[in-house]
Amino acid sequence: MMKKKDFVALYQELGNIESFTAASQQVELFMEAVRVAMEKDDLVILRKFGNFEKRILKGRVGRNPKTGDTLMTETKYRVNFKPASTFNKRIDDYTKALEAAPKKRKSCKKAK
């Protein structure tokens, strides 16, 4: 699992950015731009990467399992990410290459 700090470090390395702070600010700016676009109901399309889209989850009738009372849940909005086919293909090819590579065996040294 890659946390935000690890992602920023990778971003800094790939972009040849001198300071971690500058890389962190750029990542924050990107995320804020996506957030603002989602708030404006815009579809964010990043070619060869994927699409960010706001989806509506309509309210539905639910039931309290303890009391059996029925209640109506609220309508919610969720952001959906649909990866581009080129992005999916690249990840798939990389994963297949890892699976095809011979696995290294760990040596078991006995303690004296």
PDB file of N, CA and C in Angstrom:
ATOM      1  N   MET A   1       0.853  -1.170   0.000  1.00  0.00           N
ATOM      2  CA  MET A   1       0.000   0.000   0.000  1.00  0.00           C
ATOM      3  C   MET A   1       0.902   1.238   0.000  1.00  0.00           C
ATOM      4  N   MET A   2       0.588   2.173  -0.873  1.00  0.00           N
ATOM      5  CA  MET A   2       1.352   3.404  -0.961  1.00  0.00           C
ATOM      6  C   MET A   2       0.560   4.530  -0.319  1.00  0.00           C
ATOM      7  N   LYS A   3       1.142   5.140   0.683  1.00  0.00           N
ATOM      8  CA  LYS A   3       0.501   6.272   1.337  1.00  0.00           C
ATOM      9  C   LYS A   3       0.887   7.552   0.595  1.00  0.00           C
ATOM     10  N   LYS A   4       0.214   8.642   0.979  1.00  0.00           N
ATOM     11  CA  LYS A   4       0.414   9.913   0.285  1.00  0.00           C
ATOM     12  C   LYS A   4       1.880  10.349   0.340  1.00  0.00           C
ATOM     13  N   LYS A   5       2.510  10.173   1.483  1.00  0.00           N
ATOM     14  CA  LYS A   5       3.914  10.565   1.638  1.00  0.00           C
ATOM     15  C   LYS A   5       4.797   9.784   0.654  1.00  0.00           C
ATOM     16  N   ASP A   6       4.527   8.483   0.503  1.00  0.00           N
ATOM     17  CA  ASP A   6       5.280   7.655  -0.435  1.00  0.00           C
ATOM     18  C   ASP A   6       5.017   8.085  -1.873  1.00  0.00           C
ATOM     19  N   PHE A   7       3.753   8.423  -2.163  1.00  0.00           N
ATOM     20  CA  PHE A   7       3.395   8.874  -3.504  1.00  0.00           C
ATOM     21  C   PHE A   7       4.118  10.170  -3.850  1.00  0.00           C
ATOM     22  N   VAL A   8       4.165  11.099  -2.904  1.00  0.00           N
ATOM     23  CA  VAL A   8       4.847  12.380  -3.144  1.00  0.00           C
ATOM     24  C   VAL A   8       6.336  12.140  -3.378  1.00  0.00           C
ATOM     25  N   ALA A   9       6.938  11.216  -2.636  1.00  0.00           N
ATOM     26  CA  ALA A   9       8.354  10.894  -2.821  1.00  0.00           C
ATOM     27  C   ALA A   9       8.597  10.317  -4.215  1.00  0.00           C
ATOM     28  N   LEU A  10       7.704   9.453  -4.682  1.00  0.00           N
ATOM     29  CA  LEU A  10       7.817   8.895  -6.026  1.00  0.00           C
ATOM     30  C   LEU A  10       7.633   9.983  -7.077  1.00  0.00           C
ATOM     31  N   TYR A  11       6.654  10.855  -6.858  1.00  0.00           N
ATOM     32  CA  TYR A  11       6.395  11.989  -7.757  1.00  0.00           C
ATOM     33  C   TYR A  11       7.636  12.875  -7.854  1.00  0.00           C
ATOM     34  N   GLN A  12       8.253  13.130  -6.710  1.00  0.00           N
ATOM     35  CA  GLN A  12       9.467  13.955  -6.666  1.00  0.00           C
ATOM     36  C   GLN A  12      10.584  13.295  -7.464  1.00  0.00           C
ATOM     37  N   GLU A  13      10.735  11.995  -7.309  1.00  0.00           N
ATOM     38  CA  GLU A  13      11.790  11.264  -8.010  1.00  0.00           C
ATOM     39  C   GLU A  13      11.547  11.244  -9.525  1.00  0.00           C
ATOM     40  N   LEU A  14      10.320  10.923  -9.934  1.00  0.00           N
ATOM     41  CA  LEU A  14      10.012  10.838 -11.360  1.00  0.00           C
ATOM     42  C   LEU A  14      10.073  12.197 -12.050  1.00  0.00           C
ATOM     43  N   GLY A  15       9.710  13.254 -11.322  1.00  0.00           N
ATOM     44  CA  GLY A  15       9.688  14.591 -11.900  1.00  0.00           C
ATOM     45  C   GLY A  15      10.979  15.359 -11.725  1.00  0.00           C
ATOM     46  N   ASN A  16      11.981  14.723 -11.115  1.00  0.00           N
ATOM     47  CA  ASN A  16      13.258  15.395 -10.843  1.00  0.00           C
ATOM     48  C   ASN A  16      13.043  16.711 -10.108  1.00  0.00           C
ATOM     49  N   ILE A  17      12.178  16.691  -9.116  1.00  0.00           N
ATOM     50  CA  ILE A  17      11.879  17.877  -8.319  1.00  0.00           C
ATOM     51  C   ILE A  17      12.829  17.889  -7.129  1.00  0.00           C
ATOM     52  N   GLU A  18      13.459  19.018  -6.887  1.00  0.00           N
ATOM     53  CA  GLU A  18      14.500  19.086  -5.865  1.00  0.00           C
ATOM     54  C   GLU A  18      13.975  18.900  -4.446  1.00  0.00           C
ATOM     55  N   SER A  19      12.873  19.550  -4.101  1.00  0.00           N
ATOM     56  CA  SER A  19      12.419  19.473  -2.711  1.00  0.00           C
ATOM     57  C   SER A  19      11.128  18.671  -2.579  1.00  0.00           C
ATOM     58  N   PHE A  20      11.029  17.981  -1.469  1.00  0.00           N
ATOM     59  CA  PHE A  20       9.832  17.210  -1.154  1.00  0.00           C
ATOM     60  C   PHE A  20       8.637  18.145  -0.990  1.00  0.00           C
ATOM     61  N   THR A  21       8.873  19.318  -0.427  1.00  0.00           N
ATOM     62  CA  THR A  21       7.800  20.292  -0.209  1.00  0.00           C
ATOM     63  C   THR A  21       7.192  20.761  -1.524  1.00  0.00           C
ATOM     64  N   ALA A  22       8.025  21.035  -2.517  1.00  0.00           N
ATOM     65  CA  ALA A  22       7.518  21.468  -3.821  1.00  0.00           C
ATOM     66  C   ALA A  22       6.694  20.365  -4.476  1.00  0.00           C
ATOM     67  N   ALA A  23       7.168  19.130  -4.377  1.00  0.00           N
ATOM     68  CA  ALA A  23       6.426  18.001  -4.941  1.00  0.00           C
ATOM     69  C   ALA A  23       5.100  17.825  -4.216  1.00  0.00           C
ATOM     70  N   SER A  24       5.112  17.986  -2.905  1.00  0.00           N
ATOM     71  CA  SER A  24       3.892  17.861  -2.107  1.00  0.00           C
ATOM     72  C   SER A  24       2.875  18.933  -2.490  1.00  0.00           C
ATOM     73  N   GLN A  25       3.339  20.157  -2.727  1.00  0.00           N
ATOM     74  CA  GLN A  25       2.448  21.241  -3.131  1.00  0.00           C
ATOM     75  C   GLN A  25       1.825  20.963  -4.490  1.00  0.00           C
ATOM     76  N   GLN A  26       2.579  20.388  -5.407  1.00  0.00           N
ATOM     77  CA  GLN A  26       2.049  20.066  -6.733  1.00  0.00           C
ATOM     78  C   GLN A  26       0.993  18.967  -6.654  1.00  0.00           C
ATOM     79  N   VAL A  27       1.240  17.955  -5.835  1.00  0.00           N
ATOM     80  CA  VAL A  27       0.262  16.875  -5.662  1.00  0.00           C
ATOM     81  C   VAL A  27      -1.014  17.431  -5.027  1.00  0.00           C
ATOM     82  N   GLU A  28      -0.864  18.288  -4.015  1.00  0.00           N
ATOM     83  CA  GLU A  28      -2.014  18.913  -3.363  1.00  0.00           C
ATOM     84  C   GLU A  28      -2.816  19.760  -4.351  1.00  0.00           C
ATOM     85  N   LEU A  29      -2.125  20.499  -5.200  1.00  0.00           N
ATOM     86  CA  LEU A  29      -2.788  21.337  -6.190  1.00  0.00           C
ATOM     87  C   LEU A  29      -3.590  20.484  -7.170  1.00  0.00           C
ATOM     88  N   PHE A  30      -3.031  19.367  -7.603  1.00  0.00           N
ATOM     89  CA  PHE A  30      -3.756  18.457  -8.501  1.00  0.00           C
ATOM     90  C   PHE A  30      -5.021  17.932  -7.825  1.00  0.00           C
ATOM     91  N   MET A  31      -4.883  17.478  -6.588  1.00  0.00           N
ATOM     92  CA  MET A  31      -6.048  16.926  -5.881  1.00  0.00           C
ATOM     93  C   MET A  31      -7.115  17.994  -5.651  1.00  0.00           C
ATOM     94  N   GLU A  32      -6.698  19.209  -5.347  1.00  0.00           N
ATOM     95  CA  GLU A  32      -7.651  20.297  -5.144  1.00  0.00           C
ATOM     96  C   GLU A  32      -8.375  20.635  -6.446  1.00  0.00           C
ATOM     97  N   ALA A  33      -7.656  20.598  -7.562  1.00  0.00           N
ATOM     98  CA  ALA A  33      -8.285  20.875  -8.859  1.00  0.00           C
ATOM     99  C   ALA A  33      -9.344  19.831  -9.183  1.00  0.00           C
ATOM    100  N   VAL A  34      -9.069  18.572  -8.879  1.00  0.00           N
ATOM    101  CA  VAL A  34     -10.062  17.511  -9.098  1.00  0.00           C
ATOM    102  C   VAL A  34     -11.266  17.727  -8.187  1.00  0.00           C
ATOM    103  N   ARG A  35     -11.017  18.082  -6.917  1.00  0.00           N
ATOM    104  CA  ARG A  35     -12.116  18.332  -5.975  1.00  0.00           C
ATOM    105  C   ARG A  35     -13.018  19.464  -6.454  1.00  0.00           C
ATOM    106  N   VAL A  36     -12.415  20.568  -6.887  1.00  0.00           N
ATOM    107  CA  VAL A  36     -13.196  21.726  -7.343  1.00  0.00           C
ATOM    108  C   VAL A  36     -14.017  21.354  -8.578  1.00  0.00           C
ATOM    109  N   ALA A  37     -13.422  20.618  -9.496  1.00  0.00           N
ATOM    110  CA  ALA A  37     -14.149  20.195 -10.699  1.00  0.00           C
ATOM    111  C   ALA A  37     -15.323  19.288 -10.325  1.00  0.00           C
ATOM    112  N   MET A  38     -15.134  18.414  -9.361  1.00  0.00           N
ATOM    113  CA  MET A  38     -16.219  17.524  -8.918  1.00  0.00           C
ATOM    114  C   MET A  38     -17.345  18.325  -8.265  1.00  0.00           C
ATOM    115  N   GLU A  39     -16.981  19.361  -7.516  1.00  0.00           N
ATOM    116  CA  GLU A  39     -17.993  20.208  -6.884  1.00  0.00           C
ATOM    117  C   GLU A  39     -18.819  20.950  -7.923  1.00  0.00           C
ATOM    118  N   LYS A  40     -18.213  21.256  -9.072  1.00  0.00           N
ATOM    119  CA  LYS A  40     -18.920  21.960 -10.149  1.00  0.00           C
ATOM    120  C   LYS A  40     -19.664  21.001 -11.068  1.00  0.00           C
ATOM    121  N   ASP A  41     -19.733  19.725 -10.697  1.00  0.00           N
ATOM    122  CA  ASP A  41     -20.394  18.682 -11.493  1.00  0.00           C
ATOM    123  C   ASP A  41     -19.718  18.444 -12.831  1.00  0.00           C
ATOM    124  N   ASP A  42     -18.432  18.730 -12.932  1.00  0.00           N
ATOM    125  CA  ASP A  42     -17.703  18.482 -14.171  1.00  0.00           C
ATOM    126  C   ASP A  42     -17.165  17.058 -14.200  1.00  0.00           C
ATOM    127  N   LEU A  43     -17.056  16.536 -15.394  1.00  0.00           N
ATOM    128  CA  LEU A  43     -16.407  15.258 -15.620  1.00  0.00           C
ATOM    129  C   LEU A  43     -14.941  15.563 -15.892  1.00  0.00           C
ATOM    130  N   VAL A  44     -14.042  14.957 -15.129  1.00  0.00           N
ATOM    131  CA  VAL A  44     -12.620  15.187 -15.314  1.00  0.00           C
ATOM    132  C   VAL A  44     -12.071  14.039 -16.153  1.00  0.00           C
ATOM    133  N   ILE A  45     -11.593  14.370 -17.358  1.00  0.00           N
ATOM    134  CA  ILE A  45     -11.071  13.357 -18.278  1.00  0.00           C
ATOM    135  C   ILE A  45      -9.570  13.584 -18.426  1.00  0.00           C
ATOM    136  N   LEU A  46      -8.798  12.597 -18.018  1.00  0.00           N
ATOM    137  CA  LEU A  46      -7.346  12.643 -18.172  1.00  0.00           C
ATOM    138  C   LEU A  46      -6.972  11.555 -19.173  1.00  0.00           C
ATOM    139  N   ARG A  47      -6.682  11.970 -20.388  1.00  0.00           N
ATOM    140  CA  ARG A  47      -6.388  11.023 -21.466  1.00  0.00           C
ATOM    141  C   ARG A  47      -5.260  10.074 -21.056  1.00  0.00           C
ATOM    142  N   LYS A  48      -5.415   8.831 -21.410  1.00  0.00           N
ATOM    143  CA  LYS A  48      -4.475   7.746 -21.135  1.00  0.00           C
ATOM    144  C   LYS A  48      -4.328   7.461 -19.639  1.00  0.00           C
ATOM    145  N   PHE A  49      -5.180   8.043 -18.808  1.00  0.00           N
ATOM    146  CA  PHE A  49      -5.167   7.750 -17.368  1.00  0.00           C
ATOM    147  C   PHE A  49      -6.541   7.292 -16.914  1.00  0.00           C
ATOM    148  N   GLY A  50      -7.571   8.150 -17.078  1.00  0.00           N
ATOM    149  CA  GLY A  50      -8.920   7.756 -16.685  1.00  0.00           C
ATOM    150  C   GLY A  50      -9.835   8.944 -16.492  1.00  0.00           C
ATOM    151  N   ASN A  51     -11.067   8.646 -16.072  1.00  0.00           N
ATOM    152  CA  ASN A  51     -12.091   9.670 -15.870  1.00  0.00           C
ATOM    153  C   ASN A  51     -12.556   9.675 -14.422  1.00  0.00           C
ATOM    154  N   PHE A  52     -12.760  10.873 -13.878  1.00  0.00           N
ATOM    155  CA  PHE A  52     -13.378  11.046 -12.571  1.00  0.00           C
ATOM    156  C   PHE A  52     -14.780  11.592 -12.823  1.00  0.00           C
ATOM    157  N   GLU A  53     -15.779  10.943 -12.259  1.00  0.00           N
ATOM    158  CA  GLU A  53     -17.161  11.333 -12.502  1.00  0.00           C
ATOM    159  C   GLU A  53     -17.945  11.272 -11.193  1.00  0.00           C
ATOM    160  N   LYS A  54     -18.822  12.262 -10.992  1.00  0.00           N
ATOM    161  CA  LYS A  54     -19.684  12.259  -9.816  1.00  0.00           C
ATOM    162  C   LYS A  54     -20.920  11.417 -10.118  1.00  0.00           C
ATOM    163  N   ARG A  55     -21.226  10.483  -9.220  1.00  0.00           N
ATOM    164  CA  ARG A  55     -22.396   9.628  -9.388  1.00  0.00           C
ATOM    165  C   ARG A  55     -23.357   9.856  -8.222  1.00  0.00           C
ATOM    166  N   ILE A  56     -24.657   9.703  -8.520  1.00  0.00           N
ATOM    167  CA  ILE A  56     -25.686   9.873  -7.501  1.00  0.00           C
ATOM    168  C   ILE A  56     -26.115   8.505  -7.009  1.00  0.00           C
ATOM    169  N   LEU A  57     -26.097   8.333  -5.687  1.00  0.00           N
ATOM    170  CA  LEU A  57     -26.670   7.142  -5.072  1.00  0.00           C
ATOM    171  C   LEU A  57     -28.010   7.573  -4.501  1.00  0.00           C
ATOM    172  N   LYS A  58     -29.089   7.145  -5.142  1.00  0.00           N
ATOM    173  CA  LYS A  58     -30.415   7.576  -4.726  1.00  0.00           C
ATOM    174  C   LYS A  58     -30.758   7.012  -3.352  1.00  0.00           C
ATOM    175  N   GLY A  59     -31.575   7.773  -2.625  1.00  0.00           N
ATOM    176  CA  GLY A  59     -32.050   7.307  -1.340  1.00  0.00           C
ATOM    177  C   GLY A  59     -32.910   6.068  -1.524  1.00  0.00           C
ATOM    178  N   ARG A  60     -32.891   5.206  -0.533  1.00  0.00           N
ATOM    179  CA  ARG A  60     -33.674   3.979  -0.620  1.00  0.00           C
ATOM    180  C   ARG A  60     -34.306   3.689   0.729  1.00  0.00           C
ATOM    181  N   VAL A  61     -35.217   2.747   0.720  1.00  0.00           N
ATOM    182  CA  VAL A  61     -35.872   2.368   1.964  1.00  0.00           C
ATOM    183  C   VAL A  61     -34.975   1.368   2.678  1.00  0.00           C
ATOM    184  N   GLY A  62     -34.645   1.691   3.915  1.00  0.00           N
ATOM    185  CA  GLY A  62     -33.826   0.805   4.742  1.00  0.00           C
ATOM    186  C   GLY A  62     -34.618   0.378   5.960  1.00  0.00           C
ATOM    187  N   ARG A  63     -34.030  -0.557   6.710  1.00  0.00           N
ATOM    188  CA  ARG A  63     -34.724  -1.047   7.886  1.00  0.00           C
ATOM    189  C   ARG A  63     -33.736  -1.179   9.028  1.00  0.00           C
ATOM    190  N   ASN A  64     -34.151  -0.727  10.199  1.00  0.00           N
ATOM    191  CA  ASN A  64     -33.350  -0.882  11.405  1.00  0.00           C
ATOM    192  C   ASN A  64     -33.463  -2.343  11.841  1.00  0.00           C
ATOM    193  N   PRO A  65     -32.367  -3.098  11.834  1.00  0.00           N
ATOM    194  CA  PRO A  65     -32.469  -4.513  12.168  1.00  0.00           C
ATOM    195  C   PRO A  65     -32.859  -4.784  13.628  1.00  0.00           C
ATOM    196  N   LYS A  66     -32.583  -3.839  14.485  1.00  0.00           N
ATOM    197  CA  LYS A  66     -32.888  -4.034  15.902  1.00  0.00           C
ATOM    198  C   LYS A  66     -34.376  -3.846  16.193  1.00  0.00           C
ATOM    199  N   THR A  67     -34.958  -2.771  15.639  1.00  0.00           N
ATOM    200  CA  THR A  67     -36.361  -2.455  15.937  1.00  0.00           C
ATOM    201  C   THR A  67     -37.312  -2.860  14.822  1.00  0.00           C
ATOM    202  N   GLY A  68     -36.776  -3.040  13.606  1.00  0.00           N
ATOM    203  CA  GLY A  68     -37.633  -3.383  12.473  1.00  0.00           C
ATOM    204  C   GLY A  68     -38.285  -2.177  11.823  1.00  0.00           C
ATOM    205  N   ASP A  69     -38.020  -0.974  12.340  1.00  0.00           N
ATOM    206  CA  ASP A  69     -38.592   0.246  11.755  1.00  0.00           C
ATOM    207  C   ASP A  69     -37.987   0.511  10.378  1.00  0.00           C
ATOM    208  N   THR A  70     -38.831   0.996   9.455  1.00  0.00           N
ATOM    209  CA  THR A  70     -38.320   1.359   8.128  1.00  0.00           C
ATOM    210  C   THR A  70     -37.991   2.845   8.121  1.00  0.00           C
ATOM    211  N   LEU A  71     -36.990   3.188   7.338  1.00  0.00           N
ATOM    212  CA  LEU A  71     -36.606   4.590   7.208  1.00  0.00           C
ATOM    213  C   LEU A  71     -36.036   4.807   5.813  1.00  0.00           C
ATOM    214  N   MET A  72     -36.047   6.048   5.391  1.00  0.00           N
ATOM    215  CA  MET A  72     -35.550   6.419   4.069  1.00  0.00           C
ATOM    216  C   MET A  72     -34.122   6.940   4.209  1.00  0.00           C
ATOM    217  N   THR A  73     -33.182   6.376   3.445  1.00  0.00           N
ATOM    218  CA  THR A  73     -31.806   6.871   3.484  1.00  0.00           C
ATOM    219  C   THR A  73     -31.704   8.084   2.559  1.00  0.00           C
ATOM    220  N   GLU A  74     -30.689   8.895   2.811  1.00  0.00           N
ATOM    221  CA  GLU A  74     -30.515  10.118   2.039  1.00  0.00           C
ATOM    222  C   GLU A  74     -29.817   9.836   0.705  1.00  0.00           C
ATOM    223  N   THR A  75     -30.049  10.723  -0.258  1.00  0.00           N
ATOM    224  CA  THR A  75     -29.325  10.663  -1.520  1.00  0.00           C
ATOM    225  C   THR A  75     -27.888  11.087  -1.257  1.00  0.00           C
ATOM    226  N   LYS A  76     -26.939  10.336  -1.840  1.00  0.00           N
ATOM    227  CA  LYS A  76     -25.520  10.616  -1.636  1.00  0.00           C
ATOM    228  C   LYS A  76     -24.838  10.757  -2.992  1.00  0.00           C
ATOM    229  N   TYR A  77     -23.715  11.427  -2.975  1.00  0.00           N
ATOM    230  CA  TYR A  77     -22.897  11.564  -4.177  1.00  0.00           C
ATOM    231  C   TYR A  77     -21.572  10.867  -3.934  1.00  0.00           C
ATOM    232  N   ARG A  78     -21.108  10.151  -4.934  1.00  0.00           N
ATOM    233  CA  ARG A  78     -19.837   9.450  -4.868  1.00  0.00           C
ATOM    234  C   ARG A  78     -19.031   9.771  -6.122  1.00  0.00           C
ATOM    235  N   VAL A  79     -17.726   9.815  -5.961  1.00  0.00           N
ATOM    236  CA  VAL A  79     -16.854  10.009  -7.112  1.00  0.00           C
ATOM    237  C   VAL A  79     -16.440   8.634  -7.609  1.00  0.00           C
ATOM    238  N   ASN A  80     -16.602   8.434  -8.895  1.00  0.00           N
ATOM    239  CA  ASN A  80     -16.239   7.176  -9.521  1.00  0.00           C
ATOM    240  C   ASN A  80     -15.047   7.422 -10.431  1.00  0.00           C
ATOM    241  N   PHE A  81     -14.067   6.529 -10.379  1.00  0.00           N
ATOM    242  CA  PHE A  81     -12.912   6.604 -11.270  1.00  0.00           C
ATOM    243  C   PHE A  81     -12.971   5.431 -12.222  1.00  0.00           C
ATOM    244  N   LYS A  82     -12.941   5.732 -13.506  1.00  0.00           N
ATOM    245  CA  LYS A  82     -12.914   4.687 -14.521  1.00  0.00           C
ATOM    246  C   LYS A  82     -11.582   4.795 -15.250  1.00  0.00           C
ATOM    247  N   PRO A  83     -10.702   3.806 -15.063  1.00  0.00           N
ATOM    248  CA  PRO A  83      -9.394   3.890 -15.709  1.00  0.00           C
ATOM    249  C   PRO A  83      -9.495   3.766 -17.222  1.00  0.00           C
ATOM    250  N   ALA A  84      -8.593   4.436 -17.925  1.00  0.00           N
ATOM    251  CA  ALA A  84      -8.537   4.364 -19.381  1.00  0.00           C
ATOM    252  C   ALA A  84      -8.020   2.988 -19.793  1.00  0.00           C
ATOM    253  N   SER A  85      -8.378   2.568 -20.997  1.00  0.00           N
ATOM    254  CA  SER A  85      -7.966   1.241 -21.463  1.00  0.00           C
ATOM    255  C   SER A  85      -6.445   1.142 -21.564  1.00  0.00           C
ATOM    256  N   THR A  86      -5.769   2.227 -21.957  1.00  0.00           N
ATOM    257  CA  THR A  86      -4.309   2.187 -22.038  1.00  0.00           C
ATOM    258  C   THR A  86      -3.685   2.041 -20.652  1.00  0.00           C
ATOM    259  N   PHE A  87      -4.297   2.667 -19.652  1.00  0.00           N
ATOM    260  CA  PHE A  87      -3.832   2.552 -18.267  1.00  0.00           C
ATOM    261  C   PHE A  87      -4.016   1.117 -17.781  1.00  0.00           C
ATOM    262  N   ASN A  88      -5.199   0.555 -18.022  1.00  0.00           N
ATOM    263  CA  ASN A  88      -5.471  -0.827 -17.626  1.00  0.00           C
ATOM    264  C   ASN A  88      -4.513  -1.795 -18.299  1.00  0.00           C
ATOM    265  N   LYS A  89      -4.250  -1.601 -19.586  1.00  0.00           N
ATOM    266  CA  LYS A  89      -3.368  -2.489 -20.333  1.00  0.00           C
ATOM    267  C   LYS A  89      -1.948  -2.431 -19.776  1.00  0.00           C
ATOM    268  N   ARG A  90      -1.486  -1.244 -19.457  1.00  0.00           N
ATOM    269  CA  ARG A  90      -0.130  -1.105 -18.915  1.00  0.00           C
ATOM    270  C   ARG A  90      -0.001  -1.820 -17.572  1.00  0.00           C
ATOM    271  N   ILE A  91      -0.995  -1.673 -16.703  1.00  0.00           N
ATOM    272  CA  ILE A  91      -0.975  -2.343 -15.401  1.00  0.00           C
ATOM    273  C   ILE A  91      -1.056  -3.856 -15.590  1.00  0.00           C
ATOM    274  N   ASP A  92      -1.908  -4.292 -16.501  1.00  0.00           N
ATOM    275  CA  ASP A  92      -2.075  -5.716 -16.769  1.00  0.00           C
ATOM    276  C   ASP A  92      -0.781  -6.329 -17.305  1.00  0.00           C
ATOM    277  N   ASP A  93      -0.142  -5.652 -18.253  1.00  0.00           N
ATOM    278  CA  ASP A  93       1.116  -6.150 -18.820  1.00  0.00           C
ATOM    279  C   ASP A  93       2.201  -6.239 -17.752  1.00  0.00           C
ATOM    280  N   TYR A  94       2.276  -5.238 -16.891  1.00  0.00           N
ATOM    281  CA  TYR A  94       3.284  -5.224 -15.829  1.00  0.00           C
ATOM    282  C   TYR A  94       3.042  -6.371 -14.850  1.00  0.00           C
ATOM    283  N   THR A  95       1.779  -6.585 -14.483  1.00  0.00           N
ATOM    284  CA  THR A  95       1.446  -7.646 -13.541  1.00  0.00           C
ATOM    285  C   THR A  95       1.755  -9.020 -14.130  1.00  0.00           C
ATOM    286  N   LYS A  96       1.446  -9.215 -15.409  1.00  0.00           N
ATOM    287  CA  LYS A  96       1.744 -10.487 -16.064  1.00  0.00           C
ATOM    288  C   LYS A  96       3.252 -10.727 -16.133  1.00  0.00           C
ATOM    289  N   ALA A  97       4.026  -9.669 -16.370  1.00  0.00           N
ATOM    290  CA  ALA A  97       5.479  -9.800 -16.408  1.00  0.00           C
ATOM    291  C   ALA A  97       6.024 -10.200 -15.044  1.00  0.00           C
ATOM    292  N   LEU A  98       5.457  -9.651 -13.984  1.00  0.00           N
ATOM    293  CA  LEU A  98       5.888 -10.023 -12.635  1.00  0.00           C
ATOM    294  C   LEU A  98       5.571 -11.483 -12.339  1.00  0.00           C
ATOM    295  N   GLU A  99       4.387 -11.933 -12.766  1.00  0.00           N
ATOM    296  CA  GLU A  99       3.990 -13.314 -12.525  1.00  0.00           C
ATOM    297  C   GLU A  99       4.842 -14.287 -13.327  1.00  0.00           C
ATOM    298  N   ALA A 100       5.280 -13.896 -14.521  1.00  0.00           N
ATOM    299  CA  ALA A 100       6.072 -14.770 -15.381  1.00  0.00           C
ATOM    300  C   ALA A 100       7.527 -14.865 -14.928  1.00  0.00           C
ATOM    301  N   ALA A 101       8.008 -13.858 -14.242  1.00  0.00           N
ATOM    302  CA  ALA A 101       9.400 -13.858 -13.788  1.00  0.00           C
ATOM    303  C   ALA A 101       9.599 -14.939 -12.738  1.00  0.00           C
ATOM    304  N   PRO A 102      10.766 -15.598 -12.763  1.00  0.00           N
ATOM    305  CA  PRO A 102      11.018 -16.626 -11.749  1.00  0.00           C
ATOM    306  C   PRO A 102      11.095 -15.991 -10.364  1.00  0.00           C
ATOM    307  N   LYS A 103      10.485 -16.667  -9.417  1.00  0.00           N
ATOM    308  CA  LYS A 103      10.460 -16.139  -8.052  1.00  0.00           C
ATOM    309  C   LYS A 103      11.724 -16.541  -7.314  1.00  0.00           C
ATOM    310  N   LYS A 104      12.259 -15.605  -6.550  1.00  0.00           N
ATOM    311  CA  LYS A 104      13.451 -15.870  -5.767  1.00  0.00           C
ATOM    312  C   LYS A 104      13.044 -16.576  -4.474  1.00  0.00           C
ATOM    313  N   ARG A 105      13.790 -17.586  -4.131  1.00  0.00           N
ATOM    314  CA  ARG A 105      13.513 -18.313  -2.908  1.00  0.00           C
ATOM    315  C   ARG A 105      14.343 -17.704  -1.782  1.00  0.00           C
ATOM    316  N   LYS A 106      13.730 -17.600  -0.639  1.00  0.00           N
ATOM    317  CA  LYS A 106      14.435 -17.092   0.522  1.00  0.00           C
ATOM    318  C   LYS A 106      15.284 -18.216   1.094  1.00  0.00           C
ATOM    319  N   SER A 107      16.523 -17.898   1.411  1.00  0.00           N
ATOM    320  CA  SER A 107      17.381 -18.914   2.005  1.00  0.00           C
ATOM    321  C   SER A 107      17.098 -19.002   3.490  1.00  0.00           C
ATOM    322  N   CYS A 108      17.082 -20.203   3.964  1.00  0.00           N
ATOM    323  CA  CYS A 108      16.826 -20.447   5.388  1.00  0.00           C
ATOM    324  C   CYS A 108      18.129 -20.846   6.024  1.00  0.00           C
ATOM    325  N   LYS A 109      18.733 -19.946   6.741  1.00  0.00           N
ATOM    326  CA  LYS A 109      19.985 -20.253   7.443  1.00  0.00           C
ATOM    327  C   LYS A 109      19.650 -20.607   8.878  1.00  0.00           C
ATOM    328  N   LYS A 110      20.206 -21.676   9.319  1.00  0.00           N
ATOM    329  CA  LYS A 110      19.949 -22.124  10.683  1.00  0.00           C
ATOM    330  C   LYS A 110      20.839 -21.352  11.642  1.00  0.00           C
ATOM    331  N   ALA A 111      20.236 -20.928  12.732  1.00  0.00           N
ATOM    332  CA  ALA A 111      20.988 -20.197  13.760  1.00  0.00           C
ATOM    333  C   ALA A 111      21.781 -21.203  14.592  1.00  0.00           C
ATOM    334  N   LYS A 112      23.000 -20.831  14.930  1.00  0.00           N
ATOM    335  CA  LYS A 112      23.847 -21.734  15.739  1.00  0.00           C
ATOM    336  C   LYS A 112      23.687 -21.447  17.196  1.00  0.00           C
TER     337      LYS A 112
END
